[in-house]
Amino acid sequence: MKGTRCTLEITEAHPKALRRLLERSEHSGVAVMVERLTADLREHRLDATLAAVTAWAMHMRQPGWRDLYQQERCPVQPFDNPVSYWMPIP
C-alpha cells in the first residue's frame, strides 16, 4: 500500500561476537538459553539462531544488553525505520 509506514524494528546481528560476549557474560540465563538452542547446529543455522536471539533481546529490552548503534559517530541508516545493533555488555 502506497504511503504505509512499517513499524518493524531492525537490528544488526554479529553471531561470532555475540557468542564470545555471551561466554564472558554475567547474564547466565541468556547464555544457557543460547547454548541449549545452538548445541547441535552447524554454522549457518547457528548464525541464524544467534540473529534471532539478538532480535529477541532487542524486542524484550533484555537487561544487560544495549544498542551499540546509539554510540556510532557517523551512523548509516538506509531505512526510515530505526536501526539498532543490540549486543550484551559483559
PDB file of N, CA and C in Angstrom:
ATOM      1  N   MET A   1       0.841  -1.175   0.000  1.00  0.00           N
ATOM      2  CA  MET A   1       0.000   0.000   0.000  1.00  0.00           C
ATOM      3  C   MET A   1       0.878   1.226   0.000  1.00  0.00           C
ATOM      4  N   LYS A   2       0.615   2.113  -0.912  1.00  0.00           N
ATOM      5  CA  LYS A   2       1.396   3.331  -1.019  1.00  0.00           C
ATOM      6  C   LYS A   2       1.170   4.216   0.201  1.00  0.00           C
ATOM      7  N   GLY A   3       2.264   4.702   0.753  1.00  0.00           N
ATOM      8  CA  GLY A   3       2.171   5.602   1.893  1.00  0.00           C
ATOM      9  C   GLY A   3       2.094   4.902   3.241  1.00  0.00           C
ATOM     10  N   THR A   4       2.070   3.573   3.251  1.00  0.00           N
ATOM     11  CA  THR A   4       2.019   2.830   4.509  1.00  0.00           C
ATOM     12  C   THR A   4       3.402   2.786   5.118  1.00  0.00           C
ATOM     13  N   ARG A   5       3.490   3.095   6.392  1.00  0.00           N
ATOM     14  CA  ARG A   5       4.770   3.088   7.087  1.00  0.00           C
ATOM     15  C   ARG A   5       4.861   1.851   7.972  1.00  0.00           C
ATOM     16  N   CYS A   6       5.955   1.150   7.878  1.00  0.00           N
ATOM     17  CA  CYS A   6       6.190  -0.054   8.656  1.00  0.00           C
ATOM     18  C   CYS A   6       6.778   0.320  10.017  1.00  0.00           C
ATOM     19  N   THR A   7       6.352  -0.370  11.061  1.00  0.00           N
ATOM     20  CA  THR A   7       6.877  -0.094  12.398  1.00  0.00           C
ATOM     21  C   THR A   7       7.796  -1.212  12.881  1.00  0.00           C
ATOM     22  N   LEU A   8       8.301  -2.008  11.964  1.00  0.00           N
ATOM     23  CA  LEU A   8       9.187  -3.113  12.284  1.00  0.00           C
ATOM     24  C   LEU A   8      10.533  -2.597  12.784  1.00  0.00           C
ATOM     25  N   GLU A   9      10.992  -3.116  13.928  1.00  0.00           N
ATOM     26  CA  GLU A   9      12.319  -2.766  14.426  1.00  0.00           C
ATOM     27  C   GLU A   9      13.357  -3.618  13.714  1.00  0.00           C
ATOM     28  N   ILE A  10      14.506  -3.042  13.433  1.00  0.00           N
ATOM     29  CA  ILE A  10      15.572  -3.738  12.723  1.00  0.00           C
ATOM     30  C   ILE A  10      16.826  -3.700  13.579  1.00  0.00           C
ATOM     31  N   THR A  11      17.483  -4.848  13.738  1.00  0.00           N
ATOM     32  CA  THR A  11      18.749  -4.886  14.461  1.00  0.00           C
ATOM     33  C   THR A  11      19.780  -5.670  13.665  1.00  0.00           C
ATOM     34  N   GLU A  12      20.996  -5.225  13.730  1.00  0.00           N
ATOM     35  CA  GLU A  12      22.138  -5.951  13.170  1.00  0.00           C
ATOM     36  C   GLU A  12      22.481  -7.081  14.127  1.00  0.00           C
ATOM     37  N   ALA A  13      23.003  -8.157  13.616  1.00  0.00           N
ATOM     38  CA  ALA A  13      23.457  -9.262  14.462  1.00  0.00           C
ATOM     39  C   ALA A  13      24.857  -9.665  14.020  1.00  0.00           C
ATOM     40  N   HIS A  14      25.713  -9.924  14.953  1.00  0.00           N
ATOM     41  CA  HIS A  14      27.071 -10.386  14.655  1.00  0.00           C
ATOM     42  C   HIS A  14      27.278 -11.657  15.466  1.00  0.00           C
ATOM     43  N   PRO A  15      26.910 -12.810  14.905  1.00  0.00           N
ATOM     44  CA  PRO A  15      26.864 -14.059  15.667  1.00  0.00           C
ATOM     45  C   PRO A  15      28.158 -14.448  16.380  1.00  0.00           C
ATOM     46  N   LYS A  16      29.294 -14.321  15.716  1.00  0.00           N
ATOM     47  CA  LYS A  16      30.548 -14.735  16.360  1.00  0.00           C
ATOM     48  C   LYS A  16      30.886 -13.837  17.547  1.00  0.00           C
ATOM     49  N   ALA A  17      30.684 -12.539  17.397  1.00  0.00           N
ATOM     50  CA  ALA A  17      30.921 -11.617  18.513  1.00  0.00           C
ATOM     51  C   ALA A  17      29.926 -11.880  19.631  1.00  0.00           C
ATOM     52  N   LEU A  18      28.679 -12.161  19.275  1.00  0.00           N
ATOM     53  CA  LEU A  18      27.663 -12.449  20.283  1.00  0.00           C
ATOM     54  C   LEU A  18      28.042 -13.676  21.106  1.00  0.00           C
ATOM     55  N   ARG A  19      28.503 -14.733  20.455  1.00  0.00           N
ATOM     56  CA  ARG A  19      28.917 -15.942  21.200  1.00  0.00           C
ATOM     57  C   ARG A  19      30.045 -15.631  22.176  1.00  0.00           C
ATOM     58  N   ARG A  20      31.018 -14.855  21.731  1.00  0.00           N
ATOM     59  CA  ARG A  20      32.145 -14.510  22.615  1.00  0.00           C
ATOM     60  C   ARG A  20      31.670 -13.687  23.806  1.00  0.00           C
ATOM     61  N   LEU A  21      30.791 -12.727  23.549  1.00  0.00           N
ATOM     62  CA  LEU A  21      30.288 -11.901  24.644  1.00  0.00           C
ATOM     63  C   LEU A  21      29.461 -12.721  25.625  1.00  0.00           C
ATOM     64  N   LEU A  22      28.655 -13.645  25.109  1.00  0.00           N
ATOM     65  CA  LEU A  22      27.845 -14.474  25.998  1.00  0.00           C
ATOM     66  C   LEU A  22      28.704 -15.410  26.838  1.00  0.00           C
ATOM     67  N   GLU A  23      29.833 -15.849  26.295  1.00  0.00           N
ATOM     68  CA  GLU A  23      30.740 -16.698  27.068  1.00  0.00           C
ATOM     69  C   GLU A  23      31.304 -15.949  28.274  1.00  0.00           C
ATOM     70  N   ARG A  24      31.458 -14.641  28.148  1.00  0.00           N
ATOM     71  CA  ARG A  24      32.001 -13.828  29.240  1.00  0.00           C
ATOM     72  C   ARG A  24      30.908 -13.120  30.029  1.00  0.00           C
ATOM     73  N   SER A  25      29.673 -13.304  29.649  1.00  0.00           N
ATOM     74  CA  SER A  25      28.559 -12.557  30.218  1.00  0.00           C
ATOM     75  C   SER A  25      28.170 -13.036  31.611  1.00  0.00           C
ATOM     76  N   GLU A  26      27.724 -12.092  32.411  1.00  0.00           N
ATOM     77  CA  GLU A  26      27.172 -12.411  33.730  1.00  0.00           C
ATOM     78  C   GLU A  26      25.700 -12.788  33.618  1.00  0.00           C
ATOM     79  N   HIS A  27      25.147 -12.660  32.443  1.00  0.00           N
ATOM     80  CA  HIS A  27      23.731 -12.952  32.219  1.00  0.00           C
ATOM     81  C   HIS A  27      23.595 -14.416  31.833  1.00  0.00           C
ATOM     82  N   SER A  28      23.802 -15.272  32.797  1.00  0.00           N
ATOM     83  CA  SER A  28      23.882 -16.707  32.531  1.00  0.00           C
ATOM     84  C   SER A  28      22.591 -17.275  31.972  1.00  0.00           C
ATOM     85  N   GLY A  29      21.447 -16.701  32.302  1.00  0.00           N
ATOM     86  CA  GLY A  29      20.184 -17.216  31.780  1.00  0.00           C
ATOM     87  C   GLY A  29      20.140 -17.161  30.269  1.00  0.00           C
ATOM     88  N   VAL A  30      20.542 -16.065  29.680  1.00  0.00           N
ATOM     89  CA  VAL A  30      20.560 -15.937  28.220  1.00  0.00           C
ATOM     90  C   VAL A  30      21.641 -16.843  27.642  1.00  0.00           C
ATOM     91  N   ALA A  31      22.804 -16.905  28.278  1.00  0.00           N
ATOM     92  CA  ALA A  31      23.883 -17.767  27.788  1.00  0.00           C
ATOM     93  C   ALA A  31      23.462 -19.229  27.784  1.00  0.00           C
ATOM     94  N   VAL A  32      22.778 -19.672  28.825  1.00  0.00           N
ATOM     95  CA  VAL A  32      22.293 -21.059  28.892  1.00  0.00           C
ATOM     96  C   VAL A  32      21.250 -21.300  27.810  1.00  0.00           C
ATOM     97  N   MET A  33      20.342 -20.341  27.608  1.00  0.00           N
ATOM     98  CA  MET A  33      19.325 -20.476  26.569  1.00  0.00           C
ATOM     99  C   MET A  33      19.991 -20.620  25.200  1.00  0.00           C
ATOM    100  N   VAL A  34      20.980 -19.788  24.920  1.00  0.00           N
ATOM    101  CA  VAL A  34      21.677 -19.849  23.635  1.00  0.00           C
ATOM    102  C   VAL A  34      22.401 -21.178  23.482  1.00  0.00           C
ATOM    103  N   GLU A  35      23.039 -21.642  24.542  1.00  0.00           N
ATOM    104  CA  GLU A  35      23.755 -22.925  24.480  1.00  0.00           C
ATOM    105  C   GLU A  35      22.798 -24.061  24.152  1.00  0.00           C
ATOM    106  N   ARG A  36      21.628 -24.050  24.769  1.00  0.00           N
ATOM    107  CA  ARG A  36      20.640 -25.106  24.502  1.00  0.00           C
ATOM    108  C   ARG A  36      20.099 -25.025  23.080  1.00  0.00           C
ATOM    109  N   LEU A  37      19.857 -23.810  22.598  1.00  0.00           N
ATOM    110  CA  LEU A  37      19.311 -23.631  21.250  1.00  0.00           C
ATOM    111  C   LEU A  37      20.306 -23.995  20.160  1.00  0.00           C
ATOM    112  N   THR A  38      21.582 -23.827  20.444  1.00  0.00           N
ATOM    113  CA  THR A  38      22.585 -23.961  19.389  1.00  0.00           C
ATOM    114  C   THR A  38      23.498 -25.166  19.535  1.00  0.00           C
ATOM    115  N   ALA A  39      23.252 -26.031  20.490  1.00  0.00           N
ATOM    116  CA  ALA A  39      24.173 -27.127  20.812  1.00  0.00           C
ATOM    117  C   ALA A  39      24.574 -27.982  19.610  1.00  0.00           C
ATOM    118  N   ASP A  40      23.659 -28.343  18.755  1.00  0.00           N
ATOM    119  CA  ASP A  40      23.964 -29.260  17.649  1.00  0.00           C
ATOM    120  C   ASP A  40      23.820 -28.615  16.274  1.00  0.00           C
ATOM    121  N   LEU A  41      23.882 -27.304  16.224  1.00  0.00           N
ATOM    122  CA  LEU A  41      23.679 -26.623  14.940  1.00  0.00           C
ATOM    123  C   LEU A  41      24.987 -26.399  14.200  1.00  0.00           C
ATOM    124  N   ARG A  42      24.903 -26.450  12.886  1.00  0.00           N
ATOM    125  CA  ARG A  42      26.058 -26.123  12.052  1.00  0.00           C
ATOM    126  C   ARG A  42      26.069 -24.622  11.775  1.00  0.00           C
ATOM    127  N   GLU A  43      27.110 -24.145  11.137  1.00  0.00           N
ATOM    128  CA  GLU A  43      27.391 -22.714  11.054  1.00  0.00           C
ATOM    129  C   GLU A  43      26.216 -21.834  10.620  1.00  0.00           C
ATOM    130  N   HIS A  44      25.569 -22.106   9.513  1.00  0.00           N
ATOM    131  CA  HIS A  44      24.518 -21.214   9.016  1.00  0.00           C
ATOM    132  C   HIS A  44      23.290 -21.210   9.923  1.00  0.00           C
ATOM    133  N   ARG A  45      22.912 -22.370  10.403  1.00  0.00           N
ATOM    134  CA  ARG A  45      21.776 -22.429  11.333  1.00  0.00           C
ATOM    135  C   ARG A  45      22.138 -21.803  12.661  1.00  0.00           C
ATOM    136  N   LEU A  46      23.367 -21.983  13.082  1.00  0.00           N
ATOM    137  CA  LEU A  46      23.846 -21.357  14.307  1.00  0.00           C
ATOM    138  C   LEU A  46      23.772 -19.836  14.185  1.00  0.00           C
ATOM    139  N   ASP A  47      24.269 -19.297  13.085  1.00  0.00           N
ATOM    140  CA  ASP A  47      24.234 -17.852  12.863  1.00  0.00           C
ATOM    141  C   ASP A  47      22.801 -17.325  12.838  1.00  0.00           C
ATOM    142  N   ALA A  48      21.904 -18.055  12.185  1.00  0.00           N
ATOM    143  CA  ALA A  48      20.500 -17.635  12.122  1.00  0.00           C
ATOM    144  C   ALA A  48      19.862 -17.643  13.506  1.00  0.00           C
ATOM    145  N   THR A  49      20.171 -18.657  14.299  1.00  0.00           N
ATOM    146  CA  THR A  49      19.620 -18.734  15.652  1.00  0.00           C
ATOM    147  C   THR A  49      20.145 -17.594  16.514  1.00  0.00           C
ATOM    148  N   LEU A  50      21.429 -17.288  16.400  1.00  0.00           N
ATOM    149  CA  LEU A  50      22.003 -16.184  17.169  1.00  0.00           C
ATOM    150  C   LEU A  50      21.423 -14.838  16.733  1.00  0.00           C
ATOM    151  N   ALA A  51      21.143 -14.691  15.452  1.00  0.00           N
ATOM    152  CA  ALA A  51      20.484 -13.468  14.979  1.00  0.00           C
ATOM    153  C   ALA A  51      19.090 -13.352  15.586  1.00  0.00           C
ATOM    154  N   ALA A  52      18.379 -14.470  15.693  1.00  0.00           N
ATOM    155  CA  ALA A  52      17.053 -14.461  16.314  1.00  0.00           C
ATOM    156  C   ALA A  52      17.144 -14.098  17.788  1.00  0.00           C
ATOM    157  N   VAL A  53      18.174 -14.580  18.482  1.00  0.00           N
ATOM    158  CA  VAL A  53      18.364 -14.227  19.895  1.00  0.00           C
ATOM    159  C   VAL A  53      18.604 -12.724  20.029  1.00  0.00           C
ATOM    160  N   THR A  54      19.393 -12.164  19.112  1.00  0.00           N
ATOM    161  CA  THR A  54      19.630 -10.717  19.130  1.00  0.00           C
ATOM    162  C   THR A  54      18.325  -9.949  18.947  1.00  0.00           C
ATOM    163  N   ALA A  55      17.489 -10.383  18.012  1.00  0.00           N
ATOM    164  CA  ALA A  55      16.205  -9.719  17.782  1.00  0.00           C
ATOM    165  C   ALA A  55      15.304  -9.860  19.012  1.00  0.00           C
ATOM    166  N   TRP A  56      15.316 -11.029  19.631  1.00  0.00           N
ATOM    167  CA  TRP A  56      14.536 -11.252  20.856  1.00  0.00           C
ATOM    168  C   TRP A  56      14.999 -10.308  21.961  1.00  0.00           C
ATOM    169  N   ALA A  57      16.322 -10.201  22.155  1.00  0.00           N
ATOM    170  CA  ALA A  57      16.862  -9.328  23.204  1.00  0.00           C
ATOM    171  C   ALA A  57      16.482  -7.870  22.948  1.00  0.00           C
ATOM    172  N   MET A  58      16.501  -7.455  21.682  1.00  0.00           N
ATOM    173  CA  MET A  58      16.097  -6.094  21.338  1.00  0.00           C
ATOM    174  C   MET A  58      14.615  -5.888  21.672  1.00  0.00           C
ATOM    175  N   HIS A  59      13.789  -6.808  21.234  1.00  0.00           N
ATOM    176  CA  HIS A  59      12.346  -6.694  21.444  1.00  0.00           C
ATOM    177  C   HIS A  59      11.993  -6.685  22.940  1.00  0.00           C
ATOM    178  N   MET A  60      12.673  -7.520  23.712  1.00  0.00           N
ATOM    179  CA  MET A  60      12.397  -7.636  25.142  1.00  0.00           C
ATOM    180  C   MET A  60      13.132  -6.581  25.977  1.00  0.00           C
ATOM    181  N   ARG A  61      14.012  -5.820  25.308  1.00  0.00           N
ATOM    182  CA  ARG A  61      14.858  -4.846  26.028  1.00  0.00           C
ATOM    183  C   ARG A  61      15.550  -5.576  27.181  1.00  0.00           C
ATOM    184  N   GLN A  62      16.192  -6.671  26.824  1.00  0.00           N
ATOM    185  CA  GLN A  62      16.831  -7.568  27.779  1.00  0.00           C
ATOM    186  C   GLN A  62      17.836  -6.811  28.650  1.00  0.00           C
ATOM    187  N   PRO A  63      17.734  -6.934  29.972  1.00  0.00           N
ATOM    188  CA  PRO A  63      18.708  -6.278  30.854  1.00  0.00           C
ATOM    189  C   PRO A  63      20.129  -6.752  30.531  1.00  0.00           C
ATOM    190  N   GLY A  64      21.073  -5.836  30.558  1.00  0.00           N
ATOM    191  CA  GLY A  64      22.460  -6.169  30.268  1.00  0.00           C
ATOM    192  C   GLY A  64      22.803  -6.078  28.794  1.00  0.00           C
ATOM    193  N   TRP A  65      21.848  -5.768  27.956  1.00  0.00           N
ATOM    194  CA  TRP A  65      22.070  -5.564  26.523  1.00  0.00           C
ATOM    195  C   TRP A  65      21.867  -4.087  26.235  1.00  0.00           C
ATOM    196  N   ARG A  66      22.532  -3.588  25.205  1.00  0.00           N
ATOM    197  CA  ARG A  66      22.292  -2.202  24.803  1.00  0.00           C
ATOM    198  C   ARG A  66      22.471  -2.057  23.302  1.00  0.00           C
ATOM    199  N   ASP A  67      21.959  -0.971  22.801  1.00  0.00           N
ATOM    200  CA  ASP A  67      22.009  -0.663  21.384  1.00  0.00           C
ATOM    201  C   ASP A  67      23.315   0.073  21.086  1.00  0.00           C
ATOM    202  N   LEU A  68      24.273  -0.616  20.511  1.00  0.00           N
ATOM    203  CA  LEU A  68      25.559  -0.005  20.194  1.00  0.00           C
ATOM    204  C   LEU A  68      25.451   1.019  19.069  1.00  0.00           C
ATOM    205  N   TYR A  69      24.391   0.943  18.279  1.00  0.00           N
ATOM    206  CA  TYR A  69      24.180   1.902  17.193  1.00  0.00           C
ATOM    207  C   TYR A  69      24.081   3.326  17.731  1.00  0.00           C
ATOM    208  N   GLN A  70      23.545   3.458  18.928  1.00  0.00           N
ATOM    209  CA  GLN A  70      23.384   4.780  19.542  1.00  0.00           C
ATOM    210  C   GLN A  70      24.723   5.459  19.808  1.00  0.00           C
ATOM    211  N   GLN A  71      25.806   4.695  19.874  1.00  0.00           N
ATOM    212  CA  GLN A  71      27.129   5.239  20.151  1.00  0.00           C
ATOM    213  C   GLN A  71      27.924   5.561  18.886  1.00  0.00           C
ATOM    214  N   GLU A  72      27.391   5.212  17.716  1.00  0.00           N
ATOM    215  CA  GLU A  72      28.089   5.457  16.457  1.00  0.00           C
ATOM    216  C   GLU A  72      28.232   6.961  16.202  1.00  0.00           C
ATOM    217  N   ARG A  73      29.391   7.366  15.725  1.00  0.00           N
ATOM    218  CA  ARG A  73      29.622   8.789  15.432  1.00  0.00           C
ATOM    219  C   ARG A  73      28.980   9.221  14.117  1.00  0.00           C
ATOM    220  N   CYS A  74      29.092   8.400  13.100  1.00  0.00           N
ATOM    221  CA  CYS A  74      28.526   8.708  11.787  1.00  0.00           C
ATOM    222  C   CYS A  74      27.708   7.507  11.312  1.00  0.00           C
ATOM    223  N   PRO A  75      26.570   7.266  11.946  1.00  0.00           N
ATOM    224  CA  PRO A  75      25.799   6.064  11.597  1.00  0.00           C
ATOM    225  C   PRO A  75      25.188   6.145  10.197  1.00  0.00           C
ATOM    226  N   VAL A  76      25.043   4.982   9.594  1.00  0.00           N
ATOM    227  CA  VAL A  76      24.378   4.868   8.295  1.00  0.00           C
ATOM    228  C   VAL A  76      23.022   4.252   8.558  1.00  0.00           C
ATOM    229  N   GLN A  77      21.981   4.907   8.072  1.00  0.00           N
ATOM    230  CA  GLN A  77      20.626   4.409   8.264  1.00  0.00           C
ATOM    231  C   GLN A  77      19.912   4.429   6.926  1.00  0.00           C
ATOM    232  N   PRO A  78      19.884   3.286   6.232  1.00  0.00           N
ATOM    233  CA  PRO A  78      19.323   3.241   4.887  1.00  0.00           C
ATOM    234  C   PRO A  78      17.796   3.204   4.830  1.00  0.00           C
ATOM    235  N   PHE A  79      17.132   3.113   5.978  1.00  0.00           N
ATOM    236  CA  PHE A  79      15.675   2.996   6.007  1.00  0.00           C
ATOM    237  C   PHE A  79      15.072   4.120   6.834  1.00  0.00           C
ATOM    238  N   ASP A  80      13.770   4.313   6.693  1.00  0.00           N
ATOM    239  CA  ASP A  80      13.060   5.248   7.556  1.00  0.00           C
ATOM    240  C   ASP A  80      12.908   4.680   8.958  1.00  0.00           C
ATOM    241  N   ASN A  81      12.884   3.366   9.053  1.00  0.00           N
ATOM    242  CA  ASN A  81      12.736   2.713  10.352  1.00  0.00           C
ATOM    243  C   ASN A  81      14.011   2.861  11.173  1.00  0.00           C
ATOM    244  N   PRO A  82      13.880   2.909  12.488  1.00  0.00           N
ATOM    245  CA  PRO A  82      15.078   2.947  13.326  1.00  0.00           C
ATOM    246  C   PRO A  82      15.897   1.677  13.147  1.00  0.00           C
ATOM    247  N   VAL A  83      17.203   1.822  13.149  1.00  0.00           N
ATOM    248  CA  VAL A  83      18.125   0.704  13.026  1.00  0.00           C
ATOM    249  C   VAL A  83      18.852   0.556  14.354  1.00  0.00           C
ATOM    250  N   SER A  84      19.112  -0.665  14.766  1.00  0.00           N
ATOM    251  CA  SER A  84      19.771  -0.933  16.044  1.00  0.00           C
ATOM    252  C   SER A  84      20.905  -1.931  15.862  1.00  0.00           C
ATOM    253  N   TYR A  85      21.731  -2.048  16.882  1.00  0.00           N
ATOM    254  CA  TYR A  85      22.783  -3.050  16.926  1.00  0.00           C
ATOM    255  C   TYR A  85      22.888  -3.508  18.367  1.00  0.00           C
ATOM    256  N   TRP A  86      21.995  -4.410  18.767  1.00  0.00           N
ATOM    257  CA  TRP A  86      21.900  -4.860  20.149  1.00  0.00           C
ATOM    258  C   TRP A  86      22.916  -5.954  20.447  1.00  0.00           C
ATOM    259  N   MET A  87      23.648  -5.769  21.525  1.00  0.00           N
ATOM    260  CA  MET A  87      24.645  -6.746  21.975  1.00  0.00           C
ATOM    261  C   MET A  87      24.663  -6.763  23.498  1.00  0.00           C
ATOM    262  N   PRO A  88      25.025  -7.904  24.089  1.00  0.00           N
ATOM    263  CA  PRO A  88      25.152  -7.950  25.544  1.00  0.00           C
ATOM    264  C   PRO A  88      26.432  -7.221  25.967  1.00  0.00           C
ATOM    265  N   ILE A  89      26.369  -6.611  27.120  1.00  0.00           N
ATOM    266  CA  ILE A  89      27.529  -5.907  27.641  1.00  0.00           C
ATOM    267  C   ILE A  89      28.062  -6.713  28.834  1.00  0.00           C
ATOM    268  N   PRO A  90      29.291  -7.256  28.691  1.00  0.00           N
ATOM    269  CA  PRO A  90      29.832  -8.095  29.778  1.00  0.00           C
ATOM    270  C   PRO A  90      30.181  -7.268  31.007  1.00  0.00           C
TER     271      PRO A  90
END
